[in-house]
Amino acid sequence: MPPVLILLLLGLGGWAWWTGRLKGVTYEDAIAAVLFLLGLRLLTTGRVLTGALLMGGAILWAAYRRRQLEGAAMAVPVARAILGVGETATLAEVRAAYAERLAEAGEDDEQVARLDRARDTIVAEMNKRTPRAS
């Protein structure tokens, strides 16, 4: 790979990291990107089947991650506003607020789904912040 291309890729990666665009990227995503580039390299050097398989696997991973991220589209402040809890709310307070709002929602499926997403978003945020014993 030409040194200019390597410097360009490093610069692009540094810019994305500096601006916070890599915040949602996991190690698995990085591995998939490396496998895609390796597959591209193999594809251009004559190892068509191996390269195509690596690139296809990376593309399938990207499609899977996109679907996974579409389900978690609610922002934490919005979720807190829906349930009416503050930033320092405990899990018990979140559950109590959820139960209260659920009783108010009645049988409105759309409202219940929105409450479920709000609760799940807040609990997921709590799990990210709370240290776990290994």
N, C-alpha and C. Protein backbone atom coordinates (compact mmCIF):
# COMPACT_ATOMS: atom_id res chain seq x y z
N MET A 1 0.85 -1.17 0.00
CA MET A 1 0.00 0.00 0.00
C MET A 1 0.90 1.24 0.00
N PRO A 2 0.62 2.19 -0.85
CA PRO A 2 1.46 3.39 -0.91
C PRO A 2 1.42 4.16 0.42
N PRO A 3 2.54 4.76 0.80
CA PRO A 3 2.59 5.51 2.06
C PRO A 3 1.59 6.66 2.12
N VAL A 4 1.31 7.28 0.99
CA VAL A 4 0.34 8.39 0.98
C VAL A 4 -1.04 7.89 1.36
N LEU A 5 -1.42 6.72 0.86
CA LEU A 5 -2.72 6.15 1.19
C LEU A 5 -2.80 5.79 2.67
N ILE A 6 -1.73 5.25 3.21
CA ILE A 6 -1.70 4.92 4.64
C ILE A 6 -1.85 6.19 5.47
N LEU A 7 -1.12 7.24 5.12
CA LEU A 7 -1.24 8.51 5.84
C LEU A 7 -2.64 9.10 5.72
N LEU A 8 -3.24 8.98 4.55
CA LEU A 8 -4.60 9.47 4.35
C LEU A 8 -5.59 8.71 5.24
N LEU A 9 -5.46 7.39 5.29
CA LEU A 9 -6.34 6.58 6.14
C LEU A 9 -6.14 6.91 7.62
N LEU A 10 -4.89 7.07 8.04
CA LEU A 10 -4.62 7.44 9.43
C LEU A 10 -5.19 8.81 9.76
N GLY A 11 -5.05 9.75 8.83
CA GLY A 11 -5.62 11.08 9.03
C GLY A 11 -7.13 11.05 9.12
N LEU A 12 -7.75 10.28 8.26
CA LEU A 12 -9.21 10.15 8.28
C LEU A 12 -9.68 9.50 9.58
N GLY A 13 -8.97 8.48 10.02
CA GLY A 13 -9.30 7.83 11.29
C GLY A 13 -9.11 8.76 12.47
N GLY A 14 -8.03 9.54 12.46
CA GLY A 14 -7.80 10.51 13.53
C GLY A 14 -8.86 11.58 13.57
N TRP A 15 -9.26 12.07 12.40
CA TRP A 15 -10.33 13.07 12.34
C TRP A 15 -11.64 12.51 12.88
N ALA A 16 -11.98 11.28 12.48
CA ALA A 16 -13.23 10.67 12.95
C ALA A 16 -13.20 10.47 14.46
N TRP A 17 -12.05 10.09 14.99
CA TRP A 17 -11.94 9.91 16.44
C TRP A 17 -12.04 11.26 17.15
N TRP A 18 -11.36 12.27 16.63
CA TRP A 18 -11.33 13.58 17.26
C TRP A 18 -12.72 14.23 17.28
N THR A 19 -13.50 14.04 16.23
CA THR A 19 -14.82 14.66 16.16
C THR A 19 -15.90 13.82 16.82
N GLY A 20 -15.55 12.66 17.33
CA GLY A 20 -16.52 11.83 18.05
C GLY A 20 -17.36 10.94 17.15
N ARG A 21 -16.99 10.81 15.90
CA ARG A 21 -17.77 9.99 14.98
C ARG A 21 -17.55 8.50 15.19
N LEU A 22 -16.56 8.14 15.97
CA LEU A 22 -16.28 6.72 16.23
C LEU A 22 -16.85 6.27 17.57
N LYS A 23 -17.70 7.09 18.17
CA LYS A 23 -18.21 6.80 19.51
C LYS A 23 -18.99 5.48 19.55
N GLY A 24 -19.75 5.17 18.52
CA GLY A 24 -20.56 3.95 18.52
C GLY A 24 -19.86 2.74 17.92
N VAL A 25 -18.59 2.88 17.55
CA VAL A 25 -17.87 1.80 16.91
C VAL A 25 -17.32 0.85 17.97
N THR A 26 -17.56 -0.43 17.78
CA THR A 26 -17.07 -1.44 18.71
C THR A 26 -15.84 -2.13 18.12
N TYR A 27 -15.20 -2.96 18.94
CA TYR A 27 -14.05 -3.72 18.45
C TYR A 27 -14.47 -4.64 17.30
N GLU A 28 -15.68 -5.19 17.40
CA GLU A 28 -16.16 -6.07 16.34
C GLU A 28 -16.29 -5.33 15.02
N ASP A 29 -16.75 -4.08 15.09
CA ASP A 29 -16.86 -3.26 13.88
C ASP A 29 -15.48 -3.01 13.27
N ALA A 30 -14.50 -2.73 14.13
CA ALA A 30 -13.14 -2.49 13.64
C ALA A 30 -12.57 -3.76 13.00
N ILE A 31 -12.83 -4.90 13.61
CA ILE A 31 -12.36 -6.17 13.05
C ILE A 31 -13.01 -6.41 11.69
N ALA A 32 -14.31 -6.12 11.58
CA ALA A 32 -15.00 -6.29 10.30
C ALA A 32 -14.41 -5.37 9.24
N ALA A 33 -14.06 -4.15 9.61
CA ALA A 33 -13.45 -3.22 8.65
C ALA A 33 -12.09 -3.73 8.19
N VAL A 34 -11.30 -4.25 9.12
CA VAL A 34 -9.98 -4.80 8.76
C VAL A 34 -10.15 -6.01 7.85
N LEU A 35 -11.12 -6.87 8.16
CA LEU A 35 -11.36 -8.04 7.31
C LEU A 35 -11.83 -7.62 5.92
N PHE A 36 -12.63 -6.57 5.84
CA PHE A 36 -13.06 -6.07 4.54
C PHE A 36 -11.85 -5.60 3.73
N LEU A 37 -10.97 -4.83 4.37
CA LEU A 37 -9.78 -4.35 3.66
C LEU A 37 -8.86 -5.50 3.27
N LEU A 38 -8.73 -6.49 4.15
CA LEU A 38 -7.92 -7.66 3.81
C LEU A 38 -8.54 -8.41 2.64
N GLY A 39 -9.87 -8.54 2.65
CA GLY A 39 -10.57 -9.18 1.53
C GLY A 39 -10.37 -8.42 0.24
N LEU A 40 -10.40 -7.09 0.32
CA LEU A 40 -10.16 -6.27 -0.87
C LEU A 40 -8.75 -6.48 -1.40
N ARG A 41 -7.80 -6.56 -0.49
CA ARG A 41 -6.41 -6.79 -0.89
C ARG A 41 -6.27 -8.17 -1.55
N LEU A 42 -6.89 -9.19 -0.95
CA LEU A 42 -6.82 -10.53 -1.52
C LEU A 42 -7.51 -10.58 -2.88
N LEU A 43 -8.61 -9.86 -2.99
CA LEU A 43 -9.36 -9.83 -4.25
C LEU A 43 -8.52 -9.21 -5.37
N THR A 44 -7.76 -8.19 -5.05
CA THR A 44 -6.96 -7.53 -6.08
C THR A 44 -5.66 -8.26 -6.40
N THR A 45 -5.28 -9.22 -5.55
CA THR A 45 -4.04 -9.97 -5.82
C THR A 45 -4.32 -11.34 -6.42
N GLY A 46 -5.57 -11.61 -6.78
CA GLY A 46 -5.86 -12.86 -7.47
C GLY A 46 -6.52 -13.93 -6.63
N ARG A 47 -6.64 -13.75 -5.36
CA ARG A 47 -7.31 -14.73 -4.50
C ARG A 47 -8.78 -14.32 -4.37
N VAL A 48 -9.50 -14.53 -5.44
CA VAL A 48 -10.85 -14.00 -5.59
C VAL A 48 -11.81 -14.61 -4.57
N LEU A 49 -11.82 -15.91 -4.43
CA LEU A 49 -12.79 -16.56 -3.55
C LEU A 49 -12.58 -16.15 -2.09
N THR A 50 -11.35 -16.21 -1.62
CA THR A 50 -11.07 -15.84 -0.23
C THR A 50 -11.39 -14.37 0.01
N GLY A 51 -11.00 -13.52 -0.91
CA GLY A 51 -11.28 -12.10 -0.77
C GLY A 51 -12.77 -11.80 -0.77
N ALA A 52 -13.49 -12.45 -1.66
CA ALA A 52 -14.94 -12.23 -1.74
C ALA A 52 -15.63 -12.72 -0.47
N LEU A 53 -15.18 -13.84 0.09
CA LEU A 53 -15.77 -14.35 1.33
C LEU A 53 -15.52 -13.39 2.49
N LEU A 54 -14.31 -12.89 2.61
CA LEU A 54 -14.02 -11.93 3.69
C LEU A 54 -14.83 -10.65 3.54
N MET A 55 -14.90 -10.14 2.32
CA MET A 55 -15.66 -8.92 2.09
C MET A 55 -17.15 -9.14 2.33
N GLY A 56 -17.66 -10.29 1.88
CA GLY A 56 -19.07 -10.61 2.11
C GLY A 56 -19.40 -10.72 3.58
N GLY A 57 -18.51 -11.36 4.34
CA GLY A 57 -18.73 -11.47 5.79
C GLY A 57 -18.74 -10.12 6.46
N ALA A 58 -17.85 -9.23 6.06
CA ALA A 58 -17.81 -7.89 6.64
C ALA A 58 -19.07 -7.10 6.28
N ILE A 59 -19.56 -7.27 5.06
CA ILE A 59 -20.79 -6.58 4.66
C ILE A 59 -21.99 -7.12 5.43
N LEU A 60 -22.04 -8.43 5.62
CA LEU A 60 -23.13 -9.01 6.42
C LEU A 60 -23.08 -8.49 7.86
N TRP A 61 -21.88 -8.37 8.42
CA TRP A 61 -21.75 -7.84 9.78
C TRP A 61 -22.27 -6.40 9.84
N ALA A 62 -21.93 -5.60 8.84
CA ALA A 62 -22.39 -4.21 8.81
C ALA A 62 -23.91 -4.13 8.73
N ALA A 63 -24.52 -5.00 7.95
CA ALA A 63 -25.99 -5.02 7.85
C ALA A 63 -26.61 -5.44 9.18
N TYR A 64 -26.01 -6.41 9.83
CA TYR A 64 -26.50 -6.87 11.14
C TYR A 64 -26.41 -5.74 12.16
N ARG A 65 -25.28 -5.04 12.20
CA ARG A 65 -25.09 -3.94 13.16
C ARG A 65 -26.06 -2.79 12.87
N ARG A 66 -26.32 -2.53 11.61
CA ARG A 66 -27.24 -1.44 11.28
C ARG A 66 -28.64 -1.74 11.81
N ARG A 67 -29.07 -2.97 11.64
CA ARG A 67 -30.37 -3.37 12.17
C ARG A 67 -30.40 -3.29 13.68
N GLN A 68 -29.30 -3.68 14.30
CA GLN A 68 -29.20 -3.66 15.75
C GLN A 68 -29.27 -2.23 16.27
N LEU A 69 -28.63 -1.30 15.59
CA LEU A 69 -28.61 0.09 16.04
C LEU A 69 -29.92 0.82 15.75
N GLU A 70 -30.67 0.40 14.75
CA GLU A 70 -31.94 1.05 14.44
C GLU A 70 -32.95 0.87 15.57
N GLY A 71 -32.87 -0.25 16.28
CA GLY A 71 -33.81 -0.50 17.37
C GLY A 71 -33.57 0.39 18.58
N ALA A 72 -32.34 0.87 18.76
CA ALA A 72 -31.99 1.67 19.93
C ALA A 72 -31.83 3.13 19.56
N ALA A 73 -32.84 3.69 18.90
CA ALA A 73 -32.70 5.04 18.37
C ALA A 73 -33.12 6.13 19.35
N MET A 74 -33.63 5.79 20.53
CA MET A 74 -34.10 6.81 21.46
C MET A 74 -32.93 7.36 22.28
N ALA A 75 -32.88 8.67 22.39
CA ALA A 75 -31.83 9.31 23.18
C ALA A 75 -32.18 9.22 24.66
N VAL A 76 -31.16 9.17 25.50
CA VAL A 76 -31.37 9.02 26.94
C VAL A 76 -32.15 10.19 27.53
N PRO A 77 -31.85 11.46 27.18
CA PRO A 77 -32.65 12.55 27.75
C PRO A 77 -34.13 12.47 27.36
N VAL A 78 -34.40 12.03 26.14
CA VAL A 78 -35.80 11.87 25.71
C VAL A 78 -36.47 10.77 26.52
N ALA A 79 -35.75 9.67 26.73
CA ALA A 79 -36.30 8.56 27.51
C ALA A 79 -36.59 9.00 28.94
N ARG A 80 -35.69 9.78 29.51
CA ARG A 80 -35.90 10.28 30.88
C ARG A 80 -37.12 11.20 30.94
N ALA A 81 -37.31 12.01 29.91
CA ALA A 81 -38.46 12.91 29.87
C ALA A 81 -39.77 12.13 29.74
N ILE A 82 -39.75 11.07 28.96
CA ILE A 82 -40.96 10.26 28.78
C ILE A 82 -41.39 9.63 30.10
N LEU A 83 -40.41 9.10 30.83
CA LEU A 83 -40.73 8.46 32.11
C LEU A 83 -40.80 9.45 33.26
N GLY A 84 -40.29 10.65 33.06
CA GLY A 84 -40.34 11.66 34.10
C GLY A 84 -39.38 11.40 35.25
N VAL A 85 -38.19 10.90 34.93
CA VAL A 85 -37.18 10.65 35.97
C VAL A 85 -35.96 11.52 35.69
N GLY A 86 -35.21 11.82 36.74
CA GLY A 86 -34.01 12.63 36.61
C GLY A 86 -32.79 11.80 36.29
N GLU A 87 -31.65 12.49 36.15
CA GLU A 87 -30.40 11.80 35.82
C GLU A 87 -29.91 10.90 36.94
N THR A 88 -30.27 11.23 38.17
CA THR A 88 -29.79 10.45 39.31
C THR A 88 -30.78 9.39 39.75
N ALA A 89 -31.77 9.11 38.95
CA ALA A 89 -32.80 8.12 39.32
C ALA A 89 -32.19 6.73 39.43
N THR A 90 -32.64 6.00 40.43
CA THR A 90 -32.18 4.63 40.62
C THR A 90 -33.03 3.70 39.77
N LEU A 91 -32.61 2.45 39.73
CA LEU A 91 -33.36 1.45 38.96
C LEU A 91 -34.77 1.29 39.51
N ALA A 92 -34.89 1.31 40.83
CA ALA A 92 -36.22 1.19 41.45
C ALA A 92 -37.12 2.36 41.06
N GLU A 93 -36.56 3.57 41.01
CA GLU A 93 -37.34 4.74 40.62
C GLU A 93 -37.76 4.66 39.16
N VAL A 94 -36.88 4.16 38.32
CA VAL A 94 -37.21 4.00 36.90
C VAL A 94 -38.34 2.99 36.74
N ARG A 95 -38.24 1.88 37.46
CA ARG A 95 -39.29 0.86 37.38
C ARG A 95 -40.62 1.38 37.91
N ALA A 96 -40.59 2.16 38.99
CA ALA A 96 -41.83 2.72 39.54
C ALA A 96 -42.45 3.71 38.55
N ALA A 97 -41.63 4.57 37.95
CA ALA A 97 -42.14 5.54 36.97
C ALA A 97 -42.71 4.81 35.75
N TYR A 98 -42.03 3.74 35.33
CA TYR A 98 -42.51 2.95 34.19
C TYR A 98 -43.87 2.34 34.50
N ALA A 99 -44.00 1.76 35.69
CA ALA A 99 -45.28 1.13 36.07
C ALA A 99 -46.39 2.17 36.14
N GLU A 100 -46.08 3.35 36.66
CA GLU A 100 -47.07 4.41 36.76
C GLU A 100 -47.52 4.88 35.37
N ARG A 101 -46.57 5.11 34.47
CA ARG A 101 -46.90 5.56 33.11
C ARG A 101 -47.61 4.45 32.33
N LEU A 102 -47.26 3.21 32.63
CA LEU A 102 -47.90 2.07 31.95
C LEU A 102 -49.37 1.99 32.33
N ALA A 103 -49.67 2.25 33.60
CA ALA A 103 -51.07 2.25 34.03
C ALA A 103 -51.85 3.38 33.35
N GLU A 104 -51.19 4.52 33.16
CA GLU A 104 -51.83 5.66 32.49
C GLU A 104 -52.06 5.38 31.01
N ALA A 105 -51.14 4.62 30.39
CA ALA A 105 -51.23 4.35 28.95
C ALA A 105 -52.38 3.43 28.61
N GLY A 106 -52.76 2.58 29.54
CA GLY A 106 -53.86 1.66 29.29
C GLY A 106 -53.51 0.65 28.22
N GLU A 107 -54.36 0.54 27.20
CA GLU A 107 -54.15 -0.46 26.16
C GLU A 107 -53.66 0.14 24.84
N ASP A 108 -53.12 1.34 24.90
CA ASP A 108 -52.57 1.98 23.71
C ASP A 108 -51.22 1.34 23.38
N ASP A 109 -51.21 0.47 22.37
CA ASP A 109 -50.00 -0.30 22.05
C ASP A 109 -48.82 0.59 21.67
N GLU A 110 -49.08 1.66 20.95
CA GLU A 110 -47.99 2.55 20.54
C GLU A 110 -47.35 3.22 21.75
N GLN A 111 -48.18 3.67 22.68
CA GLN A 111 -47.66 4.31 23.89
C GLN A 111 -46.90 3.31 24.76
N VAL A 112 -47.40 2.09 24.86
CA VAL A 112 -46.73 1.05 25.64
C VAL A 112 -45.37 0.73 25.03
N ALA A 113 -45.30 0.64 23.70
CA ALA A 113 -44.02 0.37 23.03
C ALA A 113 -43.04 1.51 23.27
N ARG A 114 -43.53 2.74 23.26
CA ARG A 114 -42.68 3.90 23.52
C ARG A 114 -42.15 3.87 24.96
N LEU A 115 -43.01 3.51 25.90
CA LEU A 115 -42.58 3.40 27.30
C LEU A 115 -41.55 2.29 27.47
N ASP A 116 -41.77 1.17 26.78
CA ASP A 116 -40.81 0.06 26.84
C ASP A 116 -39.44 0.50 26.33
N ARG A 117 -39.42 1.21 25.19
CA ARG A 117 -38.15 1.68 24.63
C ARG A 117 -37.47 2.66 25.56
N ALA A 118 -38.27 3.54 26.18
CA ALA A 118 -37.70 4.52 27.12
C ALA A 118 -37.08 3.81 28.32
N ARG A 119 -37.80 2.86 28.88
CA ARG A 119 -37.27 2.11 30.03
C ARG A 119 -36.01 1.35 29.65
N ASP A 120 -36.05 0.67 28.51
CA ASP A 120 -34.89 -0.12 28.08
C ASP A 120 -33.68 0.78 27.82
N THR A 121 -33.90 1.96 27.26
CA THR A 121 -32.81 2.89 26.99
C THR A 121 -32.16 3.35 28.29
N ILE A 122 -32.97 3.70 29.28
CA ILE A 122 -32.43 4.17 30.56
C ILE A 122 -31.69 3.06 31.28
N VAL A 123 -32.26 1.86 31.28
CA VAL A 123 -31.61 0.73 31.96
C VAL A 123 -30.29 0.38 31.27
N ALA A 124 -30.27 0.43 29.94
CA ALA A 124 -29.03 0.16 29.21
C ALA A 124 -27.97 1.20 29.55
N GLU A 125 -28.37 2.46 29.66
CA GLU A 125 -27.43 3.52 30.04
C GLU A 125 -26.91 3.29 31.46
N MET A 126 -27.78 2.87 32.36
CA MET A 126 -27.34 2.57 33.73
C MET A 126 -26.34 1.43 33.75
N ASN A 127 -26.59 0.42 32.93
CA ASN A 127 -25.68 -0.73 32.89
C ASN A 127 -24.32 -0.35 32.32
N LYS A 128 -24.29 0.63 31.41
CA LYS A 128 -23.01 1.07 30.86
C LYS A 128 -22.19 1.83 31.91
N ARG A 129 -22.88 2.57 32.77
CA ARG A 129 -22.18 3.39 33.76
C ARG A 129 -21.84 2.61 35.03
N THR A 130 -22.62 1.60 35.36
CA THR A 130 -22.43 0.88 36.61
C THR A 130 -21.33 -0.16 36.44
N PRO A 131 -20.27 -0.09 37.27
CA PRO A 131 -19.24 -1.12 37.17
C PRO A 131 -19.78 -2.46 37.63
N ARG A 132 -19.40 -3.49 36.92
CA ARG A 132 -19.87 -4.83 37.26
C ARG A 132 -18.71 -5.65 37.80
N ALA A 133 -19.02 -6.52 38.74
CA ALA A 133 -17.99 -7.43 39.25
C ALA A 133 -17.80 -8.55 38.24
N SER A 134 -16.56 -8.91 37.98
CA SER A 134 -16.29 -9.96 37.00
C SER A 134 -16.11 -11.28 37.69
